[in-house]
Amino acid sequence: MNNPDNNSYHIPKLPACYQEVIKRSRFIVNIAHTPDVISAKLFIEKIREKYSDARHHCCAHIAGSPDDNHVLGFSDDGEPNGTAGKPMLNVLIGSGLGEITAVVTRYFGGIKLGTGGLVRAYGGSLNHALEELTTAEKIPETIIQGISEYSHQGIIEQILSLYMVLDTKKDFTGQVSWKVKIDSREAPLAISEILDKTSGRVQFRNQDEL
């Protein structure tokens, strides 16, 4: 069994778009679910292409768990240093959400906002967008892999039916080789119950062994 982080967190369920005008500048916020850095970069480029005539596309992302500092990123995209990307990232961190990327596109309206005004505009517009965002719980997943006798398969499946099983694969040869994706918080109890009900006659295999 592999051992991912057992902490659950919330992620964007649906993309969101929000906009507001601040001193004639139009700020358009786009938010998406991005489970990794590659998908975060692809989303940022998608927004750049969609609003290709805009001067700034400032962004921030948490491309993974909100507790993982290695998946954080931001860009001021031509705005004065520290006035856009970092305030946006601070908003995302404060939200507790994970696997999220936000891009704020700015169409300049002719009135300079100043550094303080830019910080408030980028951070504030993202905050307003997050208020309208629909989220869902990210279920921490792990994979249990086992080899069992045919006579035990019925009881194993009965036990697993009581847990949050997200996916199941089985291979029937001389024995039954099976793999289930399960809520990692429930996995230790499920394994313990299977071993108990089959008198320890199920062989569990680690993901790394395959």
C-alpha atoms as a PDB file:
ATOM      1  CA  MET A   1       0.000   0.000   0.000  1.00  0.00           C
ATOM      2  CA  ASN A   2       1.330   3.443  -0.852  1.00  0.00           C
ATOM      3  CA  ASN A   3       1.306   6.177   1.779  1.00  0.00           C
ATOM      4  CA  PRO A   4       0.077   9.595   0.605  1.00  0.00           C
ATOM      5  CA  ASP A   5      -0.816  12.491   2.834  1.00  0.00           C
ATOM      6  CA  ASN A   6      -3.893  11.538   4.847  1.00  0.00           C
ATOM      7  CA  ASN A   7      -5.102  15.112   5.281  1.00  0.00           C
ATOM      8  CA  SER A   8      -8.173  16.110   3.311  1.00  0.00           C
ATOM      9  CA  TYR A   9      -8.656  19.580   1.856  1.00  0.00           C
ATOM     10  CA  HIS A  10     -10.955  21.370  -0.545  1.00  0.00           C
ATOM     11  CA  ILE A  11     -10.377  22.028  -4.232  1.00  0.00           C
ATOM     12  CA  PRO A  12     -12.282  23.975  -6.924  1.00  0.00           C
ATOM     13  CA  LYS A  13     -15.196  21.897  -8.154  1.00  0.00           C
ATOM     14  CA  LEU A  14     -15.944  24.084 -11.168  1.00  0.00           C
ATOM     15  CA  PRO A  15     -14.049  26.848 -12.968  1.00  0.00           C
ATOM     16  CA  ALA A  16     -14.981  30.367 -11.909  1.00  0.00           C
ATOM     17  CA  CYS A  17     -14.821  33.774 -13.580  1.00  0.00           C
ATOM     18  CA  TYR A  18     -15.337  37.098 -11.816  1.00  0.00           C
ATOM     19  CA  GLN A  19     -14.663  40.678 -12.822  1.00  0.00           C
ATOM     20  CA  GLU A  20     -14.836  44.150 -11.396  1.00  0.00           C
ATOM     21  CA  VAL A  21     -13.781  47.671 -12.398  1.00  0.00           C
ATOM     22  CA  ILE A  22     -11.485  49.627 -10.083  1.00  0.00           C
ATOM     23  CA  LYS A  23     -10.695  53.212 -11.103  1.00  0.00           C
ATOM     24  CA  ARG A  24     -11.486  52.383 -14.724  1.00  0.00           C
ATOM     25  CA  SER A  25      -9.172  49.359 -14.822  1.00  0.00           C
ATOM     26  CA  ARG A  26     -10.996  46.090 -15.449  1.00  0.00           C
ATOM     27  CA  PHE A  27      -9.821  43.092 -13.419  1.00  0.00           C
ATOM     28  CA  ILE A  28     -10.947  39.675 -14.677  1.00  0.00           C
ATOM     29  CA  VAL A  29     -10.339  36.741 -12.324  1.00  0.00           C
ATOM     30  CA  ASN A  30     -10.295  33.193 -13.660  1.00  0.00           C
ATOM     31  CA  ILE A  31      -9.923  30.219 -11.314  1.00  0.00           C
ATOM     32  CA  ALA A  32      -9.517  26.526 -12.137  1.00  0.00           C
ATOM     33  CA  HIS A  33      -8.752  23.179 -10.573  1.00  0.00           C
ATOM     34  CA  THR A  34      -5.100  22.343 -11.336  1.00  0.00           C
ATOM     35  CA  PRO A  35      -3.824  19.181  -9.608  1.00  0.00           C
ATOM     36  CA  ASP A  36      -0.196  19.681 -10.670  1.00  0.00           C
ATOM     37  CA  VAL A  37       2.249  22.317 -11.898  1.00  0.00           C
ATOM     38  CA  ILE A  38       1.879  21.314 -15.553  1.00  0.00           C
ATOM     39  CA  SER A  39      -1.894  21.813 -15.504  1.00  0.00           C
ATOM     40  CA  ALA A  40      -1.400  25.132 -13.690  1.00  0.00           C
ATOM     41  CA  LYS A  41       0.923  26.385 -16.443  1.00  0.00           C
ATOM     42  CA  LEU A  42      -1.459  25.190 -19.163  1.00  0.00           C
ATOM     43  CA  PHE A  43      -4.354  27.043 -17.554  1.00  0.00           C
ATOM     44  CA  ILE A  44      -2.323  30.254 -17.277  1.00  0.00           C
ATOM     45  CA  GLU A  45      -1.408  30.054 -20.968  1.00  0.00           C
ATOM     46  CA  LYS A  46      -5.038  29.402 -21.863  1.00  0.00           C
ATOM     47  CA  ILE A  47      -6.100  32.601 -20.122  1.00  0.00           C
ATOM     48  CA  ARG A  48      -3.270  34.539 -21.789  1.00  0.00           C
ATOM     49  CA  GLU A  49      -4.543  33.416 -25.167  1.00  0.00           C
ATOM     50  CA  LYS A  50      -8.164  34.185 -24.304  1.00  0.00           C
ATOM     51  CA  TYR A  51      -7.358  37.783 -23.316  1.00  0.00           C
ATOM     52  CA  SER A  52      -4.376  38.274 -25.605  1.00  0.00           C
ATOM     53  CA  ASP A  53      -4.970  42.028 -25.928  1.00  0.00           C
ATOM     54  CA  ALA A  54      -4.596  42.648 -22.185  1.00  0.00           C
ATOM     55  CA  ARG A  55      -1.374  44.039 -20.735  1.00  0.00           C
ATOM     56  CA  HIS A  56      -1.138  41.960 -17.559  1.00  0.00           C
ATOM     57  CA  HIS A  57      -2.034  38.367 -16.652  1.00  0.00           C
ATOM     58  CA  CYS A  58      -0.919  38.048 -13.036  1.00  0.00           C
ATOM     59  CA  CYS A  59      -1.227  34.638 -11.471  1.00  0.00           C
ATOM     60  CA  ALA A  60      -0.757  32.436  -8.428  1.00  0.00           C
ATOM     61  CA  HIS A  61      -1.125  28.728  -7.910  1.00  0.00           C
ATOM     62  CA  ILE A  62      -1.114  25.987  -5.317  1.00  0.00           C
ATOM     63  CA  ALA A  63      -0.680  22.999  -7.619  1.00  0.00           C
ATOM     64  CA  GLY A  64      -1.186  20.296  -5.008  1.00  0.00           C
ATOM     65  CA  SER A  65      -1.830  20.089  -1.292  1.00  0.00           C
ATOM     66  CA  PRO A  66      -2.086  23.456   0.500  1.00  0.00           C
ATOM     67  CA  ASP A  67       0.541  22.145   2.941  1.00  0.00           C
ATOM     68  CA  ASP A  68       3.137  21.522   0.216  1.00  0.00           C
ATOM     69  CA  ASN A  69       5.423  24.540  -0.254  1.00  0.00           C
ATOM     70  CA  HIS A  70       7.001  22.941  -3.348  1.00  0.00           C
ATOM     71  CA  VAL A  71       3.877  23.500  -5.464  1.00  0.00           C
ATOM     72  CA  LEU A  72       3.447  27.228  -4.853  1.00  0.00           C
ATOM     73  CA  GLY A  73       4.044  29.795  -7.586  1.00  0.00           C
ATOM     74  CA  PHE A  74       3.151  33.339  -8.624  1.00  0.00           C
ATOM     75  CA  SER A  75       3.926  36.031 -11.200  1.00  0.00           C
ATOM     76  CA  ASP A  76       3.484  39.830 -11.292  1.00  0.00           C
ATOM     77  CA  ASP A  77       3.620  39.729 -15.106  1.00  0.00           C
ATOM     78  CA  GLY A  78       4.922  43.248 -15.548  1.00  0.00           C
ATOM     79  CA  GLU A  79       3.218  44.897 -12.597  1.00  0.00           C
ATOM     80  CA  PRO A  80       5.534  46.447  -9.967  1.00  0.00           C
ATOM     81  CA  ASN A  81       7.317  43.774  -7.941  1.00  0.00           C
ATOM     82  CA  GLY A  82       5.191  42.393  -5.109  1.00  0.00           C
ATOM     83  CA  THR A  83       1.961  44.130  -6.086  1.00  0.00           C
ATOM     84  CA  ALA A  84       0.052  41.299  -7.765  1.00  0.00           C
ATOM     85  CA  GLY A  85       1.282  37.704  -7.733  1.00  0.00           C
ATOM     86  CA  LYS A  86       2.377  37.563  -4.089  1.00  0.00           C
ATOM     87  CA  PRO A  87      -0.827  39.178  -2.720  1.00  0.00           C
ATOM     88  CA  MET A  88      -2.796  36.706  -4.822  1.00  0.00           C
ATOM     89  CA  LEU A  89      -0.785  33.777  -3.481  1.00  0.00           C
ATOM     90  CA  ASN A  90      -1.373  35.000   0.074  1.00  0.00           C
ATOM     91  CA  VAL A  91      -5.115  34.985  -0.603  1.00  0.00           C
ATOM     92  CA  LEU A  92      -4.965  31.422  -1.934  1.00  0.00           C
ATOM     93  CA  ILE A  93      -2.916  30.254   1.055  1.00  0.00           C
ATOM     94  CA  GLY A  94      -5.365  31.913   3.423  1.00  0.00           C
ATOM     95  CA  SER A  95      -8.291  30.162   1.734  1.00  0.00           C
ATOM     96  CA  GLY A  96      -6.962  26.706   2.680  1.00  0.00           C
ATOM     97  CA  LEU A  97      -7.729  25.429  -0.820  1.00  0.00           C
ATOM     98  CA  GLY A  98      -5.442  23.157  -2.786  1.00  0.00           C
ATOM     99  CA  GLU A  99      -4.966  22.275  -6.464  1.00  0.00           C
ATOM    100  CA  ILE A 100      -5.979  25.764  -7.520  1.00  0.00           C
ATOM    101  CA  THR A 101      -4.715  28.367  -9.976  1.00  0.00           C
ATOM    102  CA  ALA A 102      -5.947  31.954 -10.236  1.00  0.00           C
ATOM    103  CA  VAL A 103      -5.186  34.369 -13.062  1.00  0.00           C
ATOM    104  CA  VAL A 104      -6.142  38.029 -12.795  1.00  0.00           C
ATOM    105  CA  THR A 105      -6.169  39.799 -16.144  1.00  0.00           C
ATOM    106  CA  ARG A 106      -5.999  43.585 -16.045  1.00  0.00           C
ATOM    107  CA  TYR A 107      -7.146  45.992 -18.716  1.00  0.00           C
ATOM    108  CA  PHE A 108      -5.611  49.359 -17.830  1.00  0.00           C
ATOM    109  CA  GLY A 109      -8.148  52.168 -17.601  1.00  0.00           C
ATOM    110  CA  GLY A 110      -5.826  55.157 -17.704  1.00  0.00           C
ATOM    111  CA  ILE A 111      -5.639  55.861 -13.969  1.00  0.00           C
ATOM    112  CA  LYS A 112      -2.601  54.643 -12.034  1.00  0.00           C
ATOM    113  CA  LEU A 113      -3.504  52.817  -8.821  1.00  0.00           C
ATOM    114  CA  GLY A 114      -0.142  53.014  -7.060  1.00  0.00           C
ATOM    115  CA  THR A 115       1.530  50.072  -5.380  1.00  0.00           C
ATOM    116  CA  GLY A 116      -0.903  49.939  -2.466  1.00  0.00           C
ATOM    117  CA  GLY A 117      -3.862  50.225  -4.792  1.00  0.00           C
ATOM    118  CA  LEU A 118      -2.576  47.397  -6.956  1.00  0.00           C
ATOM    119  CA  VAL A 119      -2.076  45.119  -3.942  1.00  0.00           C
ATOM    120  CA  ARG A 120      -5.641  45.799  -2.808  1.00  0.00           C
ATOM    121  CA  ALA A 121      -7.052  45.398  -6.311  1.00  0.00           C
ATOM    122  CA  TYR A 122      -5.400  42.081  -7.127  1.00  0.00           C
ATOM    123  CA  GLY A 123      -5.884  40.574  -3.672  1.00  0.00           C
ATOM    124  CA  GLY A 124      -9.378  41.988  -3.282  1.00  0.00           C
ATOM    125  CA  SER A 125     -10.709  40.885  -6.662  1.00  0.00           C
ATOM    126  CA  LEU A 126      -9.409  37.361  -6.041  1.00  0.00           C
ATOM    127  CA  ASN A 127     -11.044  37.327  -2.614  1.00  0.00           C
ATOM    128  CA  HIS A 128     -14.358  38.302  -4.193  1.00  0.00           C
ATOM    129  CA  ALA A 129     -13.969  35.566  -6.804  1.00  0.00           C
ATOM    130  CA  LEU A 130     -13.307  32.950  -4.137  1.00  0.00           C
ATOM    131  CA  GLU A 131     -16.563  33.922  -2.422  1.00  0.00           C
ATOM    132  CA  GLU A 132     -18.398  32.682  -5.525  1.00  0.00           C
ATOM    133  CA  LEU A 133     -16.268  29.575  -6.065  1.00  0.00           C
ATOM    134  CA  THR A 134     -17.855  26.137  -5.747  1.00  0.00           C
ATOM    135  CA  THR A 135     -15.545  23.685  -3.973  1.00  0.00           C
ATOM    136  CA  ALA A 136     -15.431  19.974  -3.187  1.00  0.00           C
ATOM    137  CA  GLU A 137     -13.537  17.860  -0.691  1.00  0.00           C
ATOM    138  CA  LYS A 138     -10.371  16.245  -2.012  1.00  0.00           C
ATOM    139  CA  ILE A 139     -10.449  12.632  -0.861  1.00  0.00           C
ATOM    140  CA  PRO A 140      -6.953  11.423   0.074  1.00  0.00           C
ATOM    141  CA  GLU A 141      -6.423   8.263  -1.956  1.00  0.00           C
ATOM    142  CA  THR A 142      -4.301   5.177  -1.597  1.00  0.00           C
ATOM    143  CA  ILE A 143      -4.157   1.840  -3.406  1.00  0.00           C
ATOM    144  CA  ILE A 144      -4.549  -1.520  -1.697  1.00  0.00           C
ATOM    145  CA  GLN A 145      -3.340  -4.502  -3.703  1.00  0.00           C
ATOM    146  CA  GLY A 146      -3.997  -8.060  -2.627  1.00  0.00           C
ATOM    147  CA  ILE A 147      -3.820 -11.684  -3.749  1.00  0.00           C
ATOM    148  CA  SER A 148      -6.475 -13.996  -2.360  1.00  0.00           C
ATOM    149  CA  GLU A 149      -8.191 -17.316  -2.902  1.00  0.00           C
ATOM    150  CA  TYR A 150     -11.471 -17.521  -4.790  1.00  0.00           C
ATOM    151  CA  SER A 151     -13.219 -18.738  -1.647  1.00  0.00           C
ATOM    152  CA  HIS A 152     -12.382 -15.502   0.136  1.00  0.00           C
ATOM    153  CA  GLN A 153     -13.393 -13.097  -2.597  1.00  0.00           C
ATOM    154  CA  GLY A 154     -17.005 -12.816  -1.494  1.00  0.00           C
ATOM    155  CA  ILE A 155     -16.157 -11.778   2.063  1.00  0.00           C
ATOM    156  CA  ILE A 156     -13.462  -9.369   0.826  1.00  0.00           C
ATOM    157  CA  GLU A 157     -15.893  -7.612  -1.488  1.00  0.00           C
ATOM    158  CA  GLN A 158     -18.504  -7.500   1.264  1.00  0.00           C
ATOM    159  CA  ILE A 159     -16.004  -5.799   3.596  1.00  0.00           C
ATOM    160  CA  LEU A 160     -14.873  -3.311   0.945  1.00  0.00           C
ATOM    161  CA  SER A 161     -18.477  -2.366   0.152  1.00  0.00           C
ATOM    162  CA  LEU A 162     -18.618  -0.684   3.566  1.00  0.00           C
ATOM    163  CA  TYR A 163     -15.731   1.671   2.713  1.00  0.00           C
ATOM    164  CA  MET A 164     -15.121   4.581   0.348  1.00  0.00           C
ATOM    165  CA  VAL A 165     -13.818   2.576  -2.616  1.00  0.00           C
ATOM    166  CA  LEU A 166     -13.106   4.817  -5.617  1.00  0.00           C
ATOM    167  CA  ASP A 167     -12.006   2.212  -8.158  1.00  0.00           C
ATOM    168  CA  THR A 168     -11.602  -1.579  -8.381  1.00  0.00           C
ATOM    169  CA  LYS A 169      -9.625  -3.851 -10.702  1.00  0.00           C
ATOM    170  CA  LYS A 170      -9.475  -7.667 -10.561  1.00  0.00           C
ATOM    171  CA  ASP A 171      -7.496 -10.340 -12.404  1.00  0.00           C
ATOM    172  CA  PHE A 172      -8.705 -13.936 -12.167  1.00  0.00           C
ATOM    173  CA  THR A 173      -5.972 -16.547 -12.660  1.00  0.00           C
ATOM    174  CA  GLY A 174      -4.971 -19.306 -10.246  1.00  0.00           C
ATOM    175  CA  GLN A 175      -5.821 -16.831  -7.526  1.00  0.00           C
ATOM    176  CA  VAL A 176      -7.561 -13.476  -7.496  1.00  0.00           C
ATOM    177  CA  SER A 177      -5.245 -10.485  -7.867  1.00  0.00           C
ATOM    178  CA  TRP A 178      -7.103  -7.318  -7.012  1.00  0.00           C
ATOM    179  CA  LYS A 179      -6.439  -3.643  -6.651  1.00  0.00           C
ATOM    180  CA  VAL A 180      -8.704  -1.043  -5.064  1.00  0.00           C
ATOM    181  CA  LYS A 181      -8.365   2.704  -4.784  1.00  0.00           C
ATOM    182  CA  ILE A 182      -9.685   3.735  -1.396  1.00  0.00           C
ATOM    183  CA  ASP A 183      -9.885   6.672   0.990  1.00  0.00           C
ATOM    184  CA  SER A 184      -6.465   6.427   2.652  1.00  0.00           C
ATOM    185  CA  ARG A 185      -7.938   7.306   6.039  1.00  0.00           C
ATOM    186  CA  GLU A 186      -9.989   4.099   5.914  1.00  0.00           C
ATOM    187  CA  ALA A 187      -7.347   1.809   4.401  1.00  0.00           C
ATOM    188  CA  PRO A 188      -5.660   0.524   7.617  1.00  0.00           C
ATOM    189  CA  LEU A 189      -9.008  -0.505   9.107  1.00  0.00           C
ATOM    190  CA  ALA A 190     -10.101  -2.176   5.865  1.00  0.00           C
ATOM    191  CA  ILE A 191      -6.866  -4.187   5.688  1.00  0.00           C
ATOM    192  CA  SER A 192      -7.163  -5.194   9.324  1.00  0.00           C
ATOM    193  CA  GLU A 193     -10.749  -6.359   8.843  1.00  0.00           C
ATOM    194  CA  ILE A 194      -9.882  -8.344   5.700  1.00  0.00           C
ATOM    195  CA  LEU A 195      -7.020 -10.101   7.477  1.00  0.00           C
ATOM    196  CA  ASP A 196      -9.264 -10.869  10.437  1.00  0.00           C
ATOM    197  CA  LYS A 197     -12.145 -12.277   8.368  1.00  0.00           C
ATOM    198  CA  THR A 198      -9.831 -14.409   6.183  1.00  0.00           C
ATOM    199  CA  SER A 199      -7.601 -15.637   9.029  1.00  0.00           C
ATOM    200  CA  GLY A 200      -4.663 -13.749   7.541  1.00  0.00           C
ATOM    201  CA  ARG A 201      -4.734 -15.672   4.243  1.00  0.00           C
ATOM    202  CA  VAL A 202      -4.648 -12.595   1.994  1.00  0.00           C
ATOM    203  CA  GLN A 203      -1.286 -11.435   0.694  1.00  0.00           C
ATOM    204  CA  PHE A 204      -1.023  -7.665   0.447  1.00  0.00           C
ATOM    205  CA  ARG A 205       1.518  -6.094  -1.892  1.00  0.00           C
ATOM    206  CA  ASN A 206       3.091  -2.643  -1.851  1.00  0.00           C
ATOM    207  CA  GLN A 207       2.620  -0.378  -4.848  1.00  0.00           C
ATOM    208  CA  ASP A 208       6.402  -0.049  -5.157  1.00  0.00           C
ATOM    209  CA  GLU A 209       6.828  -3.809  -5.643  1.00  0.00           C
ATOM    210  CA  LEU A 210       4.917  -3.884  -8.946  1.00  0.00           C
END
